[in-house]
Protein backbone atom coordinates (compact mmCIF):
# COMPACT_ATOMS: atom_id res chain seq x y z
CA MET A 1 148.71 -25.75 -7.01
CA LEU A 2 149.27 -28.67 -4.32
CA GLU A 3 152.32 -29.93 -5.96
CA THR A 4 154.01 -26.67 -5.78
CA ILE A 5 152.83 -26.28 -2.10
CA TRP A 6 154.79 -29.61 -1.53
CA PHE A 7 157.53 -28.84 -3.58
CA VAL A 8 158.15 -25.53 -1.51
CA LEU A 9 157.48 -27.24 2.03
CA ILE A 10 160.35 -29.86 1.09
CA ALA A 11 162.67 -27.20 0.13
CA VAL A 12 162.13 -25.16 3.46
CA LEU A 13 162.46 -28.88 5.41
CA PHE A 14 166.15 -29.22 3.72
CA ILE A 15 166.64 -25.72 4.29
CA GLY A 16 166.13 -26.38 7.96
CA PHE A 17 168.22 -29.20 7.72
CA PHE A 18 171.39 -27.45 5.95
CA PHE A 19 171.27 -24.61 8.20
CA LEU A 20 170.67 -26.65 11.79
CA GLU A 21 172.74 -29.77 10.87
CA GLY A 22 175.32 -27.63 8.99
CA PHE A 23 177.04 -26.37 12.23
CA ASP A 24 176.19 -29.87 13.63
CA TYR A 25 178.37 -31.66 11.10
CA GLY A 26 180.85 -28.64 11.17
CA VAL A 27 181.60 -29.07 15.13
CA GLY A 28 181.64 -32.91 14.47
CA MET A 29 184.79 -32.30 11.56
CA LEU A 30 186.54 -29.89 13.94
CA LEU A 31 186.39 -31.70 17.12
CA PRO A 32 189.61 -33.60 16.74
CA PHE A 33 191.10 -30.26 16.08
CA ILE A 34 189.48 -27.74 18.33
CA GLY A 35 189.99 -30.24 21.31
CA LYS A 36 193.35 -30.32 22.50
CA ASN A 37 192.75 -32.78 25.06
CA ASP A 38 189.62 -34.66 26.75
CA VAL A 39 187.87 -32.16 28.45
CA GLU A 40 187.95 -29.84 25.66
CA ARG A 41 186.63 -32.25 23.16
CA ARG A 42 183.83 -33.11 25.60
CA VAL A 43 183.01 -29.13 25.78
CA VAL A 44 182.79 -29.49 21.97
CA ILE A 45 180.56 -32.02 22.03
CA ASN A 46 178.67 -30.54 24.49
CA THR A 47 177.98 -27.66 22.52
CA ILE A 48 175.69 -29.44 20.28
CA GLY A 49 174.79 -32.26 22.65
CA PRO A 50 171.06 -31.08 23.16
CA PHE A 51 170.65 -30.49 19.37
CA TRP A 52 172.05 -33.03 16.88
CA ASP A 53 169.65 -35.71 17.11
CA GLY A 54 166.54 -33.07 16.85
CA ASN A 55 168.69 -31.48 13.57
CA GLU A 56 168.60 -34.89 12.08
CA VAL A 57 165.06 -35.04 12.31
CA TRP A 58 164.76 -32.42 9.57
CA PHE A 59 166.37 -34.74 7.23
CA LEU A 60 163.89 -37.66 7.97
CA THR A 61 160.86 -35.72 7.54
CA ALA A 62 162.29 -34.16 4.28
CA GLY A 63 162.21 -38.08 3.07
CA GLY A 64 158.84 -38.94 4.39
CA ALA A 65 157.49 -36.03 2.99
CA MET A 66 159.41 -36.40 -0.38
CA PHE A 67 157.86 -40.75 -0.18
CA ALA A 68 154.08 -39.30 0.59
CA ALA A 69 154.05 -36.25 -1.78
CA PHE A 70 156.09 -37.18 -4.94
CA PRO A 71 156.64 -41.07 -4.67
CA ASN A 72 158.11 -41.30 -8.22
CA TRP A 73 161.12 -38.75 -7.42
CA TYR A 74 161.29 -40.44 -3.97
CA ALA A 75 161.67 -43.90 -5.93
CA THR A 76 164.22 -42.99 -8.58
CA LEU A 77 166.37 -40.88 -6.00
CA PHE A 78 166.51 -43.52 -3.60
CA SER A 79 167.39 -45.92 -6.10
CA GLY A 80 169.79 -44.23 -8.23
CA PHE A 81 171.74 -43.02 -5.29
CA TYR A 82 171.45 -46.27 -3.22
CA LEU A 83 175.12 -46.82 -2.50
CA ALA A 84 175.50 -43.01 -2.10
CA LEU A 85 172.36 -42.86 0.49
CA PHE A 86 173.86 -45.98 2.33
CA LEU A 87 177.22 -44.81 2.96
CA LEU A 88 175.32 -41.51 4.39
CA LEU A 89 173.47 -43.73 6.28
CA VAL A 90 176.49 -45.95 7.86
CA ALA A 91 177.99 -42.54 8.52
CA LEU A 92 175.07 -40.94 10.31
CA ILE A 93 174.79 -44.45 12.33
CA GLY A 94 178.30 -44.60 13.55
CA ARG A 95 178.44 -40.79 14.36
CA GLY A 96 175.09 -41.40 16.60
CA VAL A 97 176.92 -44.36 18.49
CA ALA A 98 179.78 -42.59 18.87
CA PHE A 99 178.16 -39.37 20.71
CA GLU A 100 176.70 -41.94 23.18
CA PHE A 101 179.39 -44.34 23.52
CA ARG A 102 182.27 -42.19 23.74
CA SER A 103 182.16 -41.18 27.38
CA LYS A 104 181.11 -45.08 28.87
CA LEU A 105 185.15 -45.58 29.27
CA GLU A 106 187.57 -43.31 30.34
CA SER A 107 190.40 -45.10 28.24
CA PRO A 108 192.24 -42.31 25.68
CA VAL A 109 192.13 -44.79 22.81
CA TRP A 110 188.36 -45.53 23.29
CA ARG A 111 187.73 -42.07 23.24
CA THR A 112 190.19 -41.21 20.19
CA MET A 113 188.35 -44.11 18.25
CA TRP A 114 185.24 -42.51 18.88
CA ASP A 115 186.06 -38.93 17.96
CA TRP A 116 187.63 -40.00 14.72
CA ILE A 117 184.19 -41.79 13.85
CA ILE A 118 182.19 -38.40 14.79
CA PHE A 119 184.70 -36.84 12.27
CA PHE A 120 184.18 -38.98 9.60
CA GLY A 121 180.46 -39.31 10.56
CA SER A 122 180.31 -35.69 10.31
CA LEU A 123 182.34 -35.55 7.01
CA VAL A 124 180.88 -38.04 4.83
CA PRO A 125 177.20 -36.49 4.82
CA PRO A 126 177.98 -32.86 3.51
CA LEU A 127 180.22 -34.47 0.75
CA ILE A 128 177.59 -36.94 -0.14
CA TRP A 129 175.10 -34.25 -0.02
CA GLY A 130 176.95 -32.14 -2.34
CA ILE A 131 177.47 -34.50 -4.97
CA ALA A 132 173.71 -35.36 -4.75
CA LEU A 133 172.51 -31.84 -5.21
CA ALA A 134 175.30 -31.31 -8.18
CA ASN A 135 173.77 -34.18 -10.00
CA LEU A 136 170.30 -33.01 -9.42
CA MET A 137 171.30 -29.78 -11.11
CA ARG A 138 173.28 -31.28 -13.92
CA GLY A 139 171.38 -34.45 -14.50
CA VAL A 140 171.46 -38.08 -14.33
CA PRO A 141 170.88 -40.97 -16.47
CA ILE A 142 166.75 -41.63 -16.41
CA ASP A 143 165.14 -43.16 -18.78
CA ALA A 144 161.28 -43.03 -20.31
CA LYS A 145 160.11 -45.31 -17.66
CA MET A 146 161.80 -42.99 -14.62
CA ASN A 147 164.47 -45.49 -14.08
CA PHE A 148 167.99 -44.38 -12.94
CA VAL A 149 170.04 -46.40 -15.58
CA GLY A 150 173.44 -45.21 -14.36
CA SER A 151 175.86 -46.24 -11.83
CA PHE A 152 177.46 -45.26 -8.79
CA TRP A 153 180.55 -43.86 -10.90
CA ASP A 154 177.94 -41.62 -12.97
CA LEU A 155 177.85 -39.71 -9.98
CA ILE A 156 181.46 -38.65 -9.50
CA SER A 157 182.86 -35.66 -11.95
CA LEU A 158 184.80 -32.65 -11.11
CA TYR A 159 181.69 -30.53 -10.66
CA SER A 160 179.90 -33.00 -8.23
CA VAL A 161 183.05 -33.21 -5.94
CA THR A 162 183.71 -29.80 -6.06
CA CYS A 163 180.06 -29.26 -4.78
CA GLY A 164 180.65 -31.81 -2.21
CA ALA A 165 183.98 -30.29 -1.04
CA SER A 166 182.41 -26.85 -0.82
CA MET A 167 179.27 -28.18 1.25
CA VAL A 168 182.12 -29.54 3.13
CA LEU A 169 184.05 -26.53 3.71
CA LEU A 170 181.25 -24.37 4.31
CA PHE A 171 179.84 -26.50 7.10
CA VAL A 172 183.32 -26.65 8.72
CA LEU A 173 183.19 -22.89 8.55
CA HIS A 174 179.38 -22.87 10.29
CA GLY A 175 180.72 -25.41 12.82
CA ALA A 176 183.45 -22.97 13.79
CA LEU A 177 181.39 -20.03 13.92
CA PHE A 178 178.68 -21.75 16.26
CA LEU A 179 181.69 -22.78 18.72
CA SER A 180 182.82 -19.10 18.54
CA LEU A 181 179.54 -18.14 19.86
CA LYS A 182 179.18 -21.44 22.52
CA THR A 183 182.89 -21.64 24.05
CA THR A 184 185.04 -19.23 26.11
CA ASP A 185 188.49 -18.03 26.32
CA VAL A 186 191.15 -20.03 24.66
CA MET A 187 188.64 -22.18 22.48
CA GLN A 188 186.54 -19.34 21.38
CA GLU A 189 189.89 -17.59 20.13
CA ARG A 190 190.97 -20.99 18.42
CA ALA A 191 187.30 -21.44 16.72
CA ARG A 192 187.35 -17.64 15.43
CA SER A 193 191.21 -18.61 14.10
CA VAL A 194 189.76 -21.70 12.22
CA ALA A 195 186.76 -19.90 10.78
CA LEU A 196 189.04 -16.96 9.25
CA ALA A 197 191.38 -19.78 7.60
CA VAL A 198 188.54 -21.80 6.36
CA GLY A 199 186.34 -19.33 5.47
CA GLN A 200 189.01 -18.03 2.71
CA TRP A 201 188.90 -21.62 1.16
CA ALA A 202 185.33 -22.08 1.64
CA THR A 203 184.57 -18.79 -0.31
CA ALA A 204 186.81 -19.76 -3.14
CA LEU A 205 185.63 -23.21 -3.59
CA VAL A 206 182.07 -22.16 -3.86
CA MET A 207 182.85 -19.31 -6.08
CA LEU A 208 184.50 -22.37 -8.44
CA PHE A 209 181.31 -24.37 -7.90
CA VAL A 210 179.02 -21.24 -9.34
CA LEU A 211 181.74 -20.78 -12.45
CA LEU A 212 181.17 -24.63 -12.99
CA SER A 213 177.37 -24.54 -12.68
CA TYR A 214 177.19 -21.96 -15.61
CA ILE A 215 179.25 -24.69 -17.75
CA GLU A 216 177.85 -27.91 -16.39
CA THR A 217 174.49 -27.23 -15.95
CA ASP A 218 171.25 -24.94 -17.69
CA MET A 219 171.47 -22.22 -15.42
CA PHE A 220 172.98 -19.67 -18.02
CA THR A 221 170.26 -20.72 -20.58
CA ARG A 222 167.31 -20.37 -17.63
CA ASN A 223 168.88 -17.59 -16.19
CA GLY A 224 171.10 -15.87 -18.44
CA ILE A 225 174.50 -14.08 -16.94
CA ASN A 226 172.28 -12.65 -13.91
CA PRO A 227 171.74 -15.79 -11.93
CA GLY A 228 169.12 -13.30 -9.97
CA ALA A 229 168.79 -11.82 -6.34
CA VAL A 230 168.89 -14.47 -4.47
CA PRO A 231 172.34 -16.28 -5.42
CA ILE A 232 173.95 -12.73 -5.31
CA LEU A 233 172.55 -12.01 -2.12
CA ALA A 234 173.80 -15.41 -0.90
CA GLY A 235 177.34 -14.34 -2.55
CA PHE A 236 177.52 -11.01 -0.74
CA ALA A 237 176.66 -12.77 2.81
CA LEU A 238 179.29 -15.30 2.01
CA PHE A 239 182.23 -12.38 1.68
CA SER A 240 180.88 -10.72 4.63
CA VAL A 241 181.48 -13.42 6.96
CA GLN A 242 185.38 -12.47 6.99
CA TYR A 243 184.75 -8.87 7.40
CA PHE A 244 182.76 -9.72 10.56
CA LEU A 245 184.90 -12.31 12.20
CA LYS A 246 188.10 -9.90 11.59
CA GLN A 247 185.91 -7.37 13.57
CA LYS A 248 185.45 -10.38 16.17
CA ARG A 249 181.62 -10.12 15.69
CA ASP A 250 181.04 -13.49 15.84
CA GLY A 251 177.35 -13.39 15.80
CA TRP A 252 176.88 -11.42 12.69
CA ALA A 253 179.54 -13.92 10.84
CA PHE A 254 177.47 -16.71 12.11
CA ILE A 255 174.29 -15.08 10.96
CA MET A 256 175.60 -14.20 7.41
CA ASN A 257 177.21 -17.41 7.00
CA SER A 258 173.65 -19.05 7.83
CA VAL A 259 171.78 -16.60 5.09
CA THR A 260 174.46 -17.89 2.68
CA ILE A 261 173.37 -21.67 3.38
CA VAL A 262 169.64 -20.96 3.39
CA LEU A 263 169.78 -18.77 0.29
CA SER A 264 172.24 -20.95 -1.55
CA THR A 265 169.59 -23.84 -0.94
CA ILE A 266 166.86 -21.79 -2.26
CA THR A 267 168.82 -21.38 -5.32
CA VAL A 268 169.37 -24.82 -5.88
CA PHE A 269 165.34 -25.48 -5.99
CA MET A 270 164.64 -22.36 -7.88
CA ASP A 271 166.77 -23.40 -10.55
CA LEU A 272 165.18 -27.09 -10.46
CA PHE A 273 161.52 -26.12 -10.55
CA PRO A 274 159.30 -27.27 -11.41
CA ARG A 275 161.55 -30.22 -11.89
CA VAL A 276 163.01 -32.16 -9.09
CA MET A 277 165.51 -34.70 -11.37
CA ILE A 278 166.95 -33.82 -14.68
CA SER A 279 167.46 -36.47 -17.39
CA SER A 280 170.69 -36.38 -18.99
CA LEU A 281 169.20 -38.83 -21.41
CA ASN A 282 166.59 -37.16 -22.97
CA PRO A 283 165.12 -33.44 -21.46
CA ALA A 284 161.30 -34.98 -22.09
CA TRP A 285 162.14 -37.73 -19.64
CA THR A 286 163.00 -35.49 -16.69
CA LEU A 287 161.11 -35.86 -13.36
CA THR A 288 158.81 -32.97 -12.41
CA ILE A 289 156.75 -32.06 -9.42
CA TYR A 290 153.71 -32.93 -11.67
CA ASN A 291 154.91 -36.46 -12.94
CA THR A 292 156.17 -37.74 -10.10
CA ALA A 293 153.38 -36.20 -7.41
CA SER A 294 150.56 -38.14 -5.34
CA GLY A 295 146.96 -37.87 -6.22
CA PRO A 296 145.28 -34.57 -4.70
CA TYR A 297 143.62 -36.41 -1.96
CA THR A 298 146.84 -37.18 -0.34
CA LEU A 299 148.63 -34.14 -0.87
CA LYS A 300 145.34 -32.56 0.66
CA VAL A 301 145.38 -34.65 3.57
CA MET A 302 149.22 -33.67 3.87
CA THR A 303 148.85 -30.25 4.05
CA ILE A 304 146.14 -30.42 6.69
CA VAL A 305 148.62 -32.45 8.71
CA ALA A 306 151.75 -30.44 8.39
CA ILE A 307 149.66 -27.42 9.07
CA SER A 308 148.78 -28.90 12.50
CA VAL A 309 151.97 -30.47 13.46
CA VAL A 310 154.75 -28.21 11.92
CA PRO A 311 154.17 -25.36 14.17
CA ILE A 312 154.46 -27.49 17.12
CA VAL A 313 157.83 -28.86 16.28
CA LEU A 314 159.12 -25.23 15.30
CA GLY A 315 158.04 -24.18 18.77
CA TYR A 316 160.04 -27.30 20.53
CA GLN A 317 163.08 -26.63 18.74
CA ILE A 318 163.22 -23.01 19.37
CA TRP A 319 162.28 -23.79 23.02
CA SER A 320 165.22 -26.00 22.98
CA TYR A 321 167.84 -23.79 21.56
CA TRP A 322 166.82 -21.03 24.02
CA THR A 323 166.80 -23.25 26.91
CA PHE A 324 170.65 -24.39 26.00
CA ARG A 325 171.93 -20.85 24.64
CA LYS A 326 174.68 -20.60 27.31
CA ARG A 327 178.14 -20.69 26.68
CA ILE A 328 180.30 -24.05 27.71
CA SER A 329 183.56 -23.76 29.49
CA THR A 330 185.87 -26.59 30.69
CA THR A 331 184.78 -25.95 34.15
CA ASP A 332 181.00 -26.79 33.32
CA HIS A 333 179.23 -30.09 34.36
CA LEU A 334 179.90 -31.93 30.96
CA GLU A 335 177.12 -34.88 30.19
CA TYR A 336 179.14 -36.42 26.71
């Protein structure tokens, strides 16, 4: 029972991470293109200035929860995906440093350099996360001792790269929609135009990934042709984004894209359960919530702590977004 509860809690943490950090990464990837001059780029950065570091806490918490609740899953995942996660860490460090250092000097060369570091630091994480999730769904070479026995290149395939590219475009769309809600005048129109253009490609690529999932994974044998209500609703939400954008109802477009990200993440965890990493060598060697979990006492203590702390964290984040809810324009005082 506790194993299932913690699997759900980790899924919730990743849902929060992809939802919040999704528009965060998207804004970072759009920075060199939405902002046509230094002031506009500062506006773009300031839209996520109060939030970006708090959004990353969801990932850190998910990793910590995985380590404590399912140590064997954590060990296999982080050792097997070591190089990919190292690249992810380098990207996140560069991105964080860039936010803080960009405006320390007024040199155009200095600021442009950090802008592109923010771009690549925002591009690499969703690409790697997409590749990782695709491999979790398809399976990776894991032996009887729960060891990953493949290499970095075993993680790269048409299927995994398609998932990575889908996540990148979905987050770019998420970021453009967020900017349309947080900026004014010409920048708002520019963000809406980008969302309209990117949304079509994101929708097409996501649909391609779904098709490949039926071929590359056991989704068909587990679910049949009908994948269930959750992924179908995710698809409807994604298709509706374009409609709301054309009606200039940016808020609804952002909500629908958020629903797409949330329900898509739920779909991944539903298709995995009770598995956490599928062995492509032998189904009997697949990692599950049962053979990777900590002892009952550890899970019980963690549950008590989570019930006590999580509401406080959620309350703080809600307060933060409410406090910094207003739109930002080029005439405002810009911190970054």
